[in-house]
Amino acid sequence: VREAITRMGAILPMNIFLRQELDRMVKVLKVVRHTLQNMNLAIEGIIIMSSSLKDTFDAMYDARVPERWRKISWESSTLGFWFTELLERDLQFRRWYTHGRPKSFWITGFFNPQGFLTAMRQEITRQHKGWSLDCVILQNLVTRFNREDIHDHPPEGVYIYGLFLEGASWDRKQGKLIESRAK
C-alpha cells in the first residue's frame, strides 16, 4: 500500500487523505478481527465471556452494530448493512491505491468527507499560482450523469456520488428539488 501511494505521489493532498483513510480502516479491521477471534474463543470455552464480549454477542444476535465497532467506524441501521459498507469502503480504497485516482468518489464511504473536500481544494490551490486555500470555495453542480457514464476526471475538482436527501427528492429530468416521495 505504501509503495502504491508513493508511486501516485505520497505528498499530494488527496494521497495523504487516502493514507489517513486507510489508517482508519486498518484500525476498524483490527478491532473487528480481535473481537471476533475473542468471541470464537469464548464460545469454545477457551476464554471467559467478558461483559464486553457478551454485549457484542447480544448486539450481533439482534443484527445491531456492536457499540465498540460503531464508535470507531460509522452509523448503520443493521449489522448486515454495516458489513456491506465495510466491504464497499474497502473496495473503494483498494481500487484507488491499485488503479489510481477514481473518476468518481463515493463520498459517504469516507470516514472524513470534509477532509476529502479540503484535500481537493488544496490540490486546486496548488495548481493555480497565487491562489490561497482560504479563497478557494466549493462549487457544487448536480449533473445528470450516472456513475457508469463518467469516463474521465473533471477538468477541475471531483465527481462524487452517494449523497442522500432527507425531506425532499431530486428530479433528474428537471434537475431540481421536489417534494419527498412517499416510501
N, C-alpha and C. Protein backbone atom coordinates (compact mmCIF):
# COMPACT_ATOMS: atom_id res chain seq x y z
N VAL A 1 0.83 -1.19 0.00
CA VAL A 1 0.00 0.00 0.00
C VAL A 1 0.87 1.25 0.00
N ARG A 2 1.88 1.27 0.86
CA ARG A 2 2.75 2.45 0.92
C ARG A 2 3.45 2.69 -0.41
N GLU A 3 3.88 1.60 -1.06
CA GLU A 3 4.54 1.73 -2.36
C GLU A 3 3.58 2.31 -3.40
N ALA A 4 2.35 1.85 -3.38
CA ALA A 4 1.36 2.34 -4.35
C ALA A 4 1.10 3.82 -4.14
N ILE A 5 0.96 4.23 -2.89
CA ILE A 5 0.71 5.65 -2.60
C ILE A 5 1.93 6.48 -2.96
N THR A 6 3.12 5.96 -2.72
CA THR A 6 4.35 6.67 -3.09
C THR A 6 4.41 6.85 -4.60
N ARG A 7 4.06 5.80 -5.36
CA ARG A 7 4.04 5.90 -6.83
C ARG A 7 3.06 6.96 -7.31
N MET A 8 1.94 7.10 -6.62
CA MET A 8 0.92 8.08 -7.03
C MET A 8 1.30 9.50 -6.60
N GLY A 9 2.28 9.62 -5.71
CA GLY A 9 2.68 10.93 -5.22
C GLY A 9 2.29 11.08 -3.76
N ALA A 10 3.12 10.57 -2.87
CA ALA A 10 2.79 10.49 -1.45
C ALA A 10 2.49 11.84 -0.80
N ILE A 11 3.05 12.93 -1.35
CA ILE A 11 2.84 14.22 -0.69
C ILE A 11 1.68 15.02 -1.30
N LEU A 12 1.00 14.45 -2.28
CA LEU A 12 -0.18 15.13 -2.83
C LEU A 12 -1.31 15.06 -1.80
N PRO A 13 -2.03 16.15 -1.62
CA PRO A 13 -3.08 16.18 -0.58
C PRO A 13 -4.08 15.03 -0.67
N MET A 14 -4.52 14.67 -1.86
CA MET A 14 -5.50 13.58 -1.98
C MET A 14 -4.90 12.24 -1.57
N ASN A 15 -3.62 12.05 -1.82
CA ASN A 15 -2.97 10.80 -1.42
C ASN A 15 -2.70 10.77 0.08
N ILE A 16 -2.43 11.92 0.66
CA ILE A 16 -2.31 12.00 2.12
C ILE A 16 -3.65 11.65 2.74
N PHE A 17 -4.71 12.19 2.16
CA PHE A 17 -6.06 11.87 2.63
C PHE A 17 -6.31 10.36 2.53
N LEU A 18 -5.97 9.75 1.41
CA LEU A 18 -6.15 8.31 1.22
C LEU A 18 -5.41 7.54 2.31
N ARG A 19 -4.18 7.94 2.59
CA ARG A 19 -3.39 7.26 3.63
C ARG A 19 -4.09 7.35 4.98
N GLN A 20 -4.64 8.51 5.30
CA GLN A 20 -5.35 8.68 6.57
C GLN A 20 -6.60 7.79 6.63
N GLU A 21 -7.31 7.71 5.53
CA GLU A 21 -8.50 6.85 5.47
C GLU A 21 -8.11 5.38 5.63
N LEU A 22 -7.03 4.99 4.99
CA LEU A 22 -6.56 3.60 5.11
C LEU A 22 -6.15 3.29 6.55
N ASP A 23 -5.51 4.24 7.21
CA ASP A 23 -5.13 4.04 8.62
C ASP A 23 -6.37 3.81 9.48
N ARG A 24 -7.43 4.58 9.23
CA ARG A 24 -8.67 4.40 9.99
C ARG A 24 -9.29 3.04 9.69
N MET A 25 -9.26 2.63 8.43
CA MET A 25 -9.84 1.34 8.05
C MET A 25 -9.07 0.20 8.70
N VAL A 26 -7.76 0.30 8.74
CA VAL A 26 -6.95 -0.74 9.39
C VAL A 26 -7.33 -0.84 10.87
N LYS A 27 -7.54 0.30 11.51
CA LYS A 27 -7.94 0.29 12.93
C LYS A 27 -9.27 -0.43 13.11
N VAL A 28 -10.24 -0.13 12.26
CA VAL A 28 -11.55 -0.79 12.34
C VAL A 28 -11.39 -2.29 12.14
N LEU A 29 -10.64 -2.68 11.11
CA LEU A 29 -10.46 -4.11 10.82
C LEU A 29 -9.77 -4.84 11.96
N LYS A 30 -8.79 -4.20 12.59
CA LYS A 30 -8.10 -4.84 13.73
C LYS A 30 -9.06 -5.06 14.89
N VAL A 31 -9.88 -4.07 15.20
CA VAL A 31 -10.82 -4.21 16.31
C VAL A 31 -11.85 -5.29 16.00
N VAL A 32 -12.39 -5.30 14.79
CA VAL A 32 -13.38 -6.31 14.40
C VAL A 32 -12.76 -7.71 14.47
N ARG A 33 -11.58 -7.85 13.90
CA ARG A 33 -10.90 -9.16 13.90
C ARG A 33 -10.64 -9.63 15.33
N HIS A 34 -10.13 -8.75 16.17
CA HIS A 34 -9.82 -9.10 17.56
C HIS A 34 -11.09 -9.51 18.30
N THR A 35 -12.15 -8.74 18.12
CA THR A 35 -13.42 -9.05 18.78
C THR A 35 -13.95 -10.41 18.34
N LEU A 36 -13.96 -10.66 17.04
CA LEU A 36 -14.49 -11.93 16.53
C LEU A 36 -13.63 -13.12 16.98
N GLN A 37 -12.32 -12.94 17.01
CA GLN A 37 -11.45 -14.02 17.50
C GLN A 37 -11.74 -14.32 18.96
N ASN A 38 -11.90 -13.27 19.77
CA ASN A 38 -12.20 -13.48 21.19
C ASN A 38 -13.58 -14.09 21.39
N MET A 39 -14.54 -13.69 20.57
CA MET A 39 -15.87 -14.30 20.68
C MET A 39 -15.80 -15.79 20.37
N ASN A 40 -15.05 -16.14 19.36
CA ASN A 40 -14.89 -17.54 19.00
C ASN A 40 -14.25 -18.32 20.15
N LEU A 41 -13.21 -17.75 20.74
CA LEU A 41 -12.55 -18.41 21.87
C LEU A 41 -13.49 -18.55 23.06
N ALA A 42 -14.31 -17.53 23.30
CA ALA A 42 -15.26 -17.58 24.42
C ALA A 42 -16.34 -18.63 24.16
N ILE A 43 -16.82 -18.71 22.95
CA ILE A 43 -17.85 -19.70 22.61
C ILE A 43 -17.30 -21.12 22.76
N GLU A 44 -16.01 -21.30 22.43
CA GLU A 44 -15.37 -22.61 22.58
C GLU A 44 -15.00 -22.91 24.03
N GLY A 45 -15.16 -21.93 24.92
CA GLY A 45 -14.85 -22.12 26.33
C GLY A 45 -13.39 -21.96 26.67
N ILE A 46 -12.59 -21.43 25.76
CA ILE A 46 -11.15 -21.26 25.99
C ILE A 46 -10.89 -20.03 26.84
N ILE A 47 -11.67 -18.98 26.64
CA ILE A 47 -11.57 -17.79 27.49
C ILE A 47 -12.95 -17.49 28.08
N ILE A 48 -12.95 -16.67 29.11
CA ILE A 48 -14.21 -16.30 29.76
C ILE A 48 -14.91 -15.23 28.93
N MET A 49 -16.23 -15.36 28.82
CA MET A 49 -17.04 -14.37 28.09
C MET A 49 -17.16 -13.13 28.98
N SER A 50 -16.42 -12.09 28.63
CA SER A 50 -16.48 -10.84 29.39
C SER A 50 -17.81 -10.14 29.12
N SER A 51 -18.12 -9.14 29.93
CA SER A 51 -19.36 -8.39 29.71
C SER A 51 -19.31 -7.66 28.37
N SER A 52 -18.13 -7.20 27.98
CA SER A 52 -17.97 -6.53 26.69
C SER A 52 -18.25 -7.50 25.54
N LEU A 53 -17.72 -8.72 25.64
CA LEU A 53 -17.97 -9.72 24.60
C LEU A 53 -19.44 -10.13 24.58
N LYS A 54 -20.04 -10.22 25.77
CA LYS A 54 -21.46 -10.57 25.83
C LYS A 54 -22.30 -9.48 25.17
N ASP A 55 -21.97 -8.22 25.42
CA ASP A 55 -22.70 -7.11 24.78
C ASP A 55 -22.55 -7.18 23.26
N THR A 56 -21.34 -7.49 22.80
CA THR A 56 -21.10 -7.62 21.37
C THR A 56 -21.90 -8.78 20.79
N PHE A 57 -21.89 -9.91 21.50
CA PHE A 57 -22.64 -11.08 21.06
C PHE A 57 -24.14 -10.77 20.98
N ASP A 58 -24.66 -10.10 22.01
CA ASP A 58 -26.08 -9.73 22.03
C ASP A 58 -26.42 -8.80 20.86
N ALA A 59 -25.56 -7.82 20.62
CA ALA A 59 -25.80 -6.89 19.52
C ALA A 59 -25.82 -7.64 18.19
N MET A 60 -24.86 -8.52 17.99
CA MET A 60 -24.79 -9.27 16.73
C MET A 60 -26.01 -10.19 16.59
N TYR A 61 -26.43 -10.80 17.69
CA TYR A 61 -27.61 -11.67 17.66
C TYR A 61 -28.84 -10.88 17.21
N ASP A 62 -28.92 -9.62 17.65
CA ASP A 62 -30.04 -8.74 17.30
C ASP A 62 -29.81 -7.98 15.99
N ALA A 63 -28.75 -8.32 15.26
CA ALA A 63 -28.40 -7.68 13.98
C ALA A 63 -28.08 -6.19 14.15
N ARG A 64 -27.59 -5.82 15.34
CA ARG A 64 -27.17 -4.44 15.58
C ARG A 64 -25.65 -4.36 15.50
N VAL A 65 -25.14 -3.19 15.19
CA VAL A 65 -23.70 -2.97 15.15
C VAL A 65 -23.21 -2.87 16.60
N PRO A 66 -22.23 -3.68 17.00
CA PRO A 66 -21.70 -3.57 18.35
C PRO A 66 -21.21 -2.14 18.63
N GLU A 67 -21.47 -1.68 19.83
CA GLU A 67 -21.14 -0.30 20.22
C GLU A 67 -19.68 0.04 19.97
N ARG A 68 -18.79 -0.86 20.32
CA ARG A 68 -17.35 -0.58 20.14
C ARG A 68 -17.01 -0.37 18.67
N TRP A 69 -17.60 -1.15 17.80
CA TRP A 69 -17.35 -1.01 16.36
C TRP A 69 -17.92 0.30 15.85
N ARG A 70 -19.15 0.62 16.29
CA ARG A 70 -19.81 1.84 15.83
C ARG A 70 -19.02 3.08 16.24
N LYS A 71 -18.45 3.06 17.44
CA LYS A 71 -17.70 4.23 17.92
C LYS A 71 -16.47 4.54 17.07
N ILE A 72 -15.85 3.53 16.49
CA ILE A 72 -14.64 3.76 15.70
C ILE A 72 -14.90 3.74 14.19
N SER A 73 -16.17 3.59 13.82
CA SER A 73 -16.44 3.49 12.39
C SER A 73 -17.54 4.45 11.95
N TRP A 74 -18.72 3.96 11.66
CA TRP A 74 -19.80 4.75 11.09
C TRP A 74 -21.14 4.20 11.56
N GLU A 75 -22.16 5.04 11.43
CA GLU A 75 -23.52 4.65 11.78
C GLU A 75 -24.10 3.76 10.68
N SER A 76 -24.86 2.78 11.09
CA SER A 76 -25.56 1.94 10.13
C SER A 76 -26.77 1.34 10.83
N SER A 77 -27.85 1.16 10.10
CA SER A 77 -29.10 0.70 10.72
C SER A 77 -29.06 -0.75 11.18
N THR A 78 -28.32 -1.59 10.46
CA THR A 78 -28.21 -3.00 10.85
C THR A 78 -26.78 -3.48 10.68
N LEU A 79 -26.49 -4.59 11.30
CA LEU A 79 -25.16 -5.19 11.18
C LEU A 79 -24.88 -5.62 9.75
N GLY A 80 -25.90 -6.12 9.06
CA GLY A 80 -25.73 -6.52 7.66
C GLY A 80 -25.34 -5.35 6.77
N PHE A 81 -26.03 -4.22 6.94
CA PHE A 81 -25.68 -3.02 6.17
C PHE A 81 -24.27 -2.54 6.53
N TRP A 82 -23.93 -2.65 7.82
CA TRP A 82 -22.61 -2.21 8.27
C TRP A 82 -21.51 -3.03 7.57
N PHE A 83 -21.69 -4.35 7.53
CA PHE A 83 -20.69 -5.20 6.86
C PHE A 83 -20.64 -4.93 5.36
N THR A 84 -21.80 -4.68 4.76
CA THR A 84 -21.82 -4.34 3.33
C THR A 84 -21.02 -3.06 3.10
N GLU A 85 -21.23 -2.05 3.95
CA GLU A 85 -20.47 -0.80 3.81
C GLU A 85 -18.98 -1.03 4.05
N LEU A 86 -18.65 -1.90 4.99
CA LEU A 86 -17.24 -2.21 5.25
C LEU A 86 -16.59 -2.74 3.98
N LEU A 87 -17.25 -3.67 3.31
CA LEU A 87 -16.71 -4.23 2.08
C LEU A 87 -16.64 -3.20 0.96
N GLU A 88 -17.67 -2.35 0.84
CA GLU A 88 -17.68 -1.32 -0.20
C GLU A 88 -16.59 -0.27 0.04
N ARG A 89 -16.40 0.12 1.29
CA ARG A 89 -15.34 1.08 1.62
C ARG A 89 -13.97 0.48 1.29
N ASP A 90 -13.79 -0.76 1.70
CA ASP A 90 -12.52 -1.44 1.43
C ASP A 90 -12.27 -1.50 -0.07
N LEU A 91 -13.30 -1.82 -0.85
CA LEU A 91 -13.16 -1.90 -2.30
C LEU A 91 -12.79 -0.54 -2.90
N GLN A 92 -13.44 0.53 -2.42
CA GLN A 92 -13.11 1.86 -2.94
C GLN A 92 -11.63 2.20 -2.67
N PHE A 93 -11.17 1.93 -1.45
CA PHE A 93 -9.78 2.23 -1.12
C PHE A 93 -8.81 1.37 -1.93
N ARG A 94 -9.10 0.06 -2.05
CA ARG A 94 -8.23 -0.83 -2.81
C ARG A 94 -8.12 -0.42 -4.28
N ARG A 95 -9.25 -0.09 -4.88
CA ARG A 95 -9.22 0.35 -6.28
C ARG A 95 -8.41 1.63 -6.42
N TRP A 96 -8.54 2.53 -5.47
CA TRP A 96 -7.84 3.81 -5.54
C TRP A 96 -6.33 3.58 -5.51
N TYR A 97 -5.83 2.82 -4.52
CA TYR A 97 -4.37 2.67 -4.45
C TYR A 97 -3.82 1.65 -5.43
N THR A 98 -4.68 0.80 -6.01
CA THR A 98 -4.23 -0.16 -7.01
C THR A 98 -4.27 0.40 -8.42
N HIS A 99 -5.36 1.10 -8.75
CA HIS A 99 -5.57 1.57 -10.12
C HIS A 99 -5.45 3.08 -10.27
N GLY A 100 -5.14 3.79 -9.21
CA GLY A 100 -5.04 5.24 -9.28
C GLY A 100 -6.35 5.93 -8.92
N ARG A 101 -6.31 7.23 -8.97
CA ARG A 101 -7.45 8.04 -8.55
C ARG A 101 -8.71 7.68 -9.34
N PRO A 102 -9.81 7.42 -8.62
CA PRO A 102 -11.06 7.09 -9.31
C PRO A 102 -11.60 8.27 -10.11
N LYS A 103 -12.45 7.96 -11.07
CA LYS A 103 -13.11 9.02 -11.86
C LYS A 103 -14.19 9.70 -11.02
N SER A 104 -14.79 8.94 -10.09
CA SER A 104 -15.78 9.49 -9.17
C SER A 104 -15.59 8.81 -7.81
N PHE A 105 -16.01 9.50 -6.76
CA PHE A 105 -15.78 9.03 -5.40
C PHE A 105 -17.10 8.85 -4.66
N TRP A 106 -17.19 7.77 -3.90
CA TRP A 106 -18.32 7.54 -3.01
C TRP A 106 -18.04 8.32 -1.73
N ILE A 107 -18.52 9.54 -1.66
CA ILE A 107 -18.13 10.45 -0.58
C ILE A 107 -18.64 9.98 0.78
N THR A 108 -19.80 9.35 0.82
CA THR A 108 -20.30 8.87 2.11
C THR A 108 -19.57 7.61 2.57
N GLY A 109 -18.66 7.11 1.74
CA GLY A 109 -17.85 5.96 2.11
C GLY A 109 -16.53 6.36 2.75
N PHE A 110 -16.38 7.63 3.09
CA PHE A 110 -15.17 8.10 3.76
C PHE A 110 -15.44 8.32 5.24
N PHE A 111 -14.42 8.11 6.05
CA PHE A 111 -14.51 8.43 7.47
C PHE A 111 -14.57 9.94 7.66
N ASN A 112 -13.84 10.66 6.82
CA ASN A 112 -13.71 12.10 6.95
C ASN A 112 -14.01 12.79 5.61
N PRO A 113 -15.28 12.88 5.23
CA PRO A 113 -15.59 13.51 3.94
C PRO A 113 -15.15 14.96 3.85
N GLN A 114 -15.17 15.68 4.97
CA GLN A 114 -14.72 17.07 4.97
C GLN A 114 -13.23 17.14 4.64
N GLY A 115 -12.46 16.17 5.15
CA GLY A 115 -11.03 16.11 4.83
C GLY A 115 -10.80 15.86 3.35
N PHE A 116 -11.67 15.05 2.74
CA PHE A 116 -11.60 14.80 1.30
C PHE A 116 -11.78 16.10 0.53
N LEU A 117 -12.80 16.86 0.89
CA LEU A 117 -13.07 18.13 0.19
C LEU A 117 -11.94 19.13 0.41
N THR A 118 -11.36 19.14 1.60
CA THR A 118 -10.23 20.03 1.87
C THR A 118 -9.02 19.64 1.04
N ALA A 119 -8.74 18.34 0.94
CA ALA A 119 -7.61 17.87 0.13
C ALA A 119 -7.80 18.24 -1.33
N MET A 120 -9.03 18.13 -1.82
CA MET A 120 -9.32 18.51 -3.20
C MET A 120 -9.08 20.01 -3.39
N ARG A 121 -9.53 20.82 -2.44
CA ARG A 121 -9.30 22.27 -2.52
C ARG A 121 -7.80 22.59 -2.49
N GLN A 122 -7.04 21.85 -1.66
CA GLN A 122 -5.58 22.08 -1.60
C GLN A 122 -4.93 21.79 -2.94
N GLU A 123 -5.35 20.71 -3.59
CA GLU A 123 -4.75 20.39 -4.89
C GLU A 123 -5.08 21.46 -5.93
N ILE A 124 -6.29 21.96 -5.93
CA ILE A 124 -6.67 23.01 -6.87
C ILE A 124 -5.88 24.29 -6.58
N THR A 125 -5.71 24.60 -5.31
CA THR A 125 -4.93 25.79 -4.93
C THR A 125 -3.50 25.68 -5.44
N ARG A 126 -2.91 24.50 -5.33
CA ARG A 126 -1.53 24.31 -5.79
C ARG A 126 -1.40 24.41 -7.31
N GLN A 127 -2.47 24.13 -8.03
CA GLN A 127 -2.44 24.20 -9.50
C GLN A 127 -2.50 25.63 -10.02
N HIS A 128 -2.87 26.56 -9.16
CA HIS A 128 -3.04 27.96 -9.59
C HIS A 128 -2.10 28.86 -8.78
N LYS A 129 -1.10 29.35 -9.44
CA LYS A 129 -0.11 30.21 -8.79
C LYS A 129 -0.80 31.45 -8.21
N GLY A 130 -0.47 31.77 -6.99
CA GLY A 130 -1.01 32.96 -6.34
C GLY A 130 -2.34 32.75 -5.62
N TRP A 131 -2.93 31.57 -5.75
CA TRP A 131 -4.19 31.31 -5.06
C TRP A 131 -3.90 30.88 -3.62
N SER A 132 -4.77 31.24 -2.70
CA SER A 132 -4.65 30.75 -1.33
C SER A 132 -5.85 29.87 -1.02
N LEU A 133 -5.64 28.93 -0.14
CA LEU A 133 -6.69 27.98 0.21
C LEU A 133 -7.93 28.69 0.74
N ASP A 134 -7.73 29.75 1.50
CA ASP A 134 -8.86 30.48 2.07
C ASP A 134 -9.77 31.10 1.01
N CYS A 135 -9.23 31.35 -0.16
CA CYS A 135 -10.01 31.98 -1.23
C CYS A 135 -10.68 30.97 -2.16
N VAL A 136 -10.34 29.70 -2.02
CA VAL A 136 -10.93 28.67 -2.88
C VAL A 136 -12.23 28.18 -2.23
N ILE A 137 -13.31 28.30 -2.97
CA ILE A 137 -14.61 27.87 -2.45
C ILE A 137 -15.07 26.62 -3.20
N LEU A 138 -15.98 25.91 -2.57
CA LEU A 138 -16.56 24.74 -3.22
C LEU A 138 -17.77 25.17 -4.03
N GLN A 139 -17.81 24.71 -5.26
CA GLN A 139 -18.99 24.93 -6.10
C GLN A 139 -19.53 23.56 -6.44
N ASN A 140 -20.78 23.35 -6.13
CA ASN A 140 -21.41 22.05 -6.38
C ASN A 140 -22.35 22.14 -7.56
N LEU A 141 -22.25 21.19 -8.43
CA LEU A 141 -23.12 21.12 -9.60
C LEU A 141 -23.67 19.71 -9.69
N VAL A 142 -24.97 19.59 -9.63
CA VAL A 142 -25.60 18.28 -9.78
C VAL A 142 -25.68 17.98 -11.27
N THR A 143 -25.08 16.88 -11.68
CA THR A 143 -25.08 16.51 -13.10
C THR A 143 -26.19 15.49 -13.37
N ARG A 144 -26.39 15.20 -14.61
CA ARG A 144 -27.35 14.17 -14.98
C ARG A 144 -26.65 12.83 -15.24
N PHE A 145 -25.35 12.78 -14.96
CA PHE A 145 -24.58 11.56 -15.19
C PHE A 145 -24.96 10.49 -14.19
N ASN A 146 -24.94 9.27 -14.66
CA ASN A 146 -24.90 8.12 -13.76
C ASN A 146 -23.42 7.85 -13.52
N ARG A 147 -23.12 7.20 -12.44
CA ARG A 147 -21.72 6.91 -12.12
C ARG A 147 -21.03 6.17 -13.27
N GLU A 148 -21.76 5.29 -13.93
CA GLU A 148 -21.21 4.49 -15.02
C GLU A 148 -20.91 5.33 -16.26
N ASP A 149 -21.52 6.50 -16.36
CA ASP A 149 -21.32 7.38 -17.52
C ASP A 149 -20.03 8.18 -17.45
N ILE A 150 -19.39 8.19 -16.31
CA ILE A 150 -18.19 9.02 -16.12
C ILE A 150 -16.96 8.22 -16.53
N HIS A 151 -16.27 8.71 -17.56
CA HIS A 151 -15.10 8.01 -18.09
C HIS A 151 -13.81 8.80 -17.91
N ASP A 152 -13.93 10.07 -17.56
CA ASP A 152 -12.75 10.92 -17.36
C ASP A 152 -12.92 11.75 -16.10
N HIS A 153 -11.79 12.22 -15.58
CA HIS A 153 -11.84 13.14 -14.45
C HIS A 153 -12.37 14.49 -14.94
N PRO A 154 -13.02 15.25 -14.07
CA PRO A 154 -13.44 16.59 -14.49
C PRO A 154 -12.20 17.47 -14.70
N PRO A 155 -12.32 18.55 -15.46
CA PRO A 155 -11.17 19.43 -15.68
C PRO A 155 -10.59 19.96 -14.36
N GLU A 156 -11.47 20.18 -13.40
CA GLU A 156 -11.05 20.65 -12.08
C GLU A 156 -12.04 20.12 -11.06
N GLY A 157 -11.57 19.73 -9.90
CA GLY A 157 -12.45 19.20 -8.88
C GLY A 157 -12.65 17.70 -9.00
N VAL A 158 -13.77 17.23 -8.48
CA VAL A 158 -14.05 15.79 -8.46
C VAL A 158 -15.53 15.54 -8.70
N TYR A 159 -15.83 14.33 -9.16
CA TYR A 159 -17.20 13.86 -9.20
C TYR A 159 -17.42 13.02 -7.95
N ILE A 160 -18.56 13.21 -7.31
CA ILE A 160 -18.89 12.42 -6.13
C ILE A 160 -20.27 11.80 -6.32
N TYR A 161 -20.53 10.75 -5.55
CA TYR A 161 -21.85 10.13 -5.53
C TYR A 161 -22.09 9.60 -4.13
N GLY A 162 -23.33 9.20 -3.87
CA GLY A 162 -23.66 8.63 -2.57
C GLY A 162 -24.33 9.59 -1.62
N LEU A 163 -24.63 10.80 -2.07
CA LEU A 163 -25.34 11.74 -1.21
C LEU A 163 -26.81 11.35 -1.16
N PHE A 164 -27.47 11.73 -0.09
CA PHE A 164 -28.89 11.45 0.01
C PHE A 164 -29.59 12.67 0.59
N LEU A 165 -30.86 12.75 0.33
CA LEU A 165 -31.69 13.86 0.79
C LEU A 165 -32.65 13.37 1.86
N GLU A 166 -32.94 14.24 2.81
CA GLU A 166 -33.95 13.97 3.80
C GLU A 166 -35.00 15.06 3.68
N GLY A 167 -36.25 14.68 3.52
CA GLY A 167 -37.33 15.66 3.43
C GLY A 167 -37.55 16.22 2.04
N ALA A 168 -36.87 15.69 1.05
CA ALA A 168 -37.03 16.13 -0.33
C ALA A 168 -36.56 15.02 -1.25
N SER A 169 -36.82 15.18 -2.53
CA SER A 169 -36.33 14.25 -3.55
C SER A 169 -35.70 15.07 -4.67
N TRP A 170 -34.92 14.40 -5.50
CA TRP A 170 -34.29 15.07 -6.64
C TRP A 170 -34.93 14.56 -7.92
N ASP A 171 -35.42 15.48 -8.72
CA ASP A 171 -35.99 15.14 -10.02
C ASP A 171 -34.88 15.26 -11.06
N ARG A 172 -34.41 14.12 -11.56
CA ARG A 172 -33.27 14.13 -12.50
C ARG A 172 -33.64 14.78 -13.83
N LYS A 173 -34.85 14.58 -14.29
CA LYS A 173 -35.26 15.15 -15.57
C LYS A 173 -35.30 16.67 -15.52
N GLN A 174 -35.87 17.21 -14.44
CA GLN A 174 -35.99 18.66 -14.31
C GLN A 174 -34.76 19.30 -13.67
N GLY A 175 -33.94 18.47 -13.02
CA GLY A 175 -32.74 18.98 -12.37
C GLY A 175 -33.04 19.91 -11.21
N LYS A 176 -34.02 19.50 -10.37
CA LYS A 176 -34.36 20.34 -9.23
C LYS A 176 -34.95 19.51 -8.10
N LEU A 177 -35.00 20.15 -6.92
CA LEU A 177 -35.61 19.51 -5.76
C LEU A 177 -37.12 19.48 -5.93
N ILE A 178 -37.72 18.39 -5.44
CA ILE A 178 -39.17 18.26 -5.43
C ILE A 178 -39.60 17.72 -4.06
N GLU A 179 -40.89 17.70 -3.84
CA GLU A 179 -41.41 17.16 -2.58
C GLU A 179 -40.95 15.72 -2.41
N SER A 180 -40.75 15.35 -1.18
CA SER A 180 -40.31 13.99 -0.87
C SER A 180 -41.34 12.98 -1.34
N ARG A 181 -40.85 11.91 -1.94
CA ARG A 181 -41.74 10.84 -2.40
C ARG A 181 -42.14 9.96 -1.22
N ALA A 182 -43.36 9.45 -1.27
CA ALA A 182 -43.83 8.55 -0.22
C ALA A 182 -43.03 7.25 -0.26
N LYS A 183 -42.75 6.72 0.91
CA LYS A 183 -41.97 5.47 0.98
C LYS A 183 -42.87 4.27 0.93
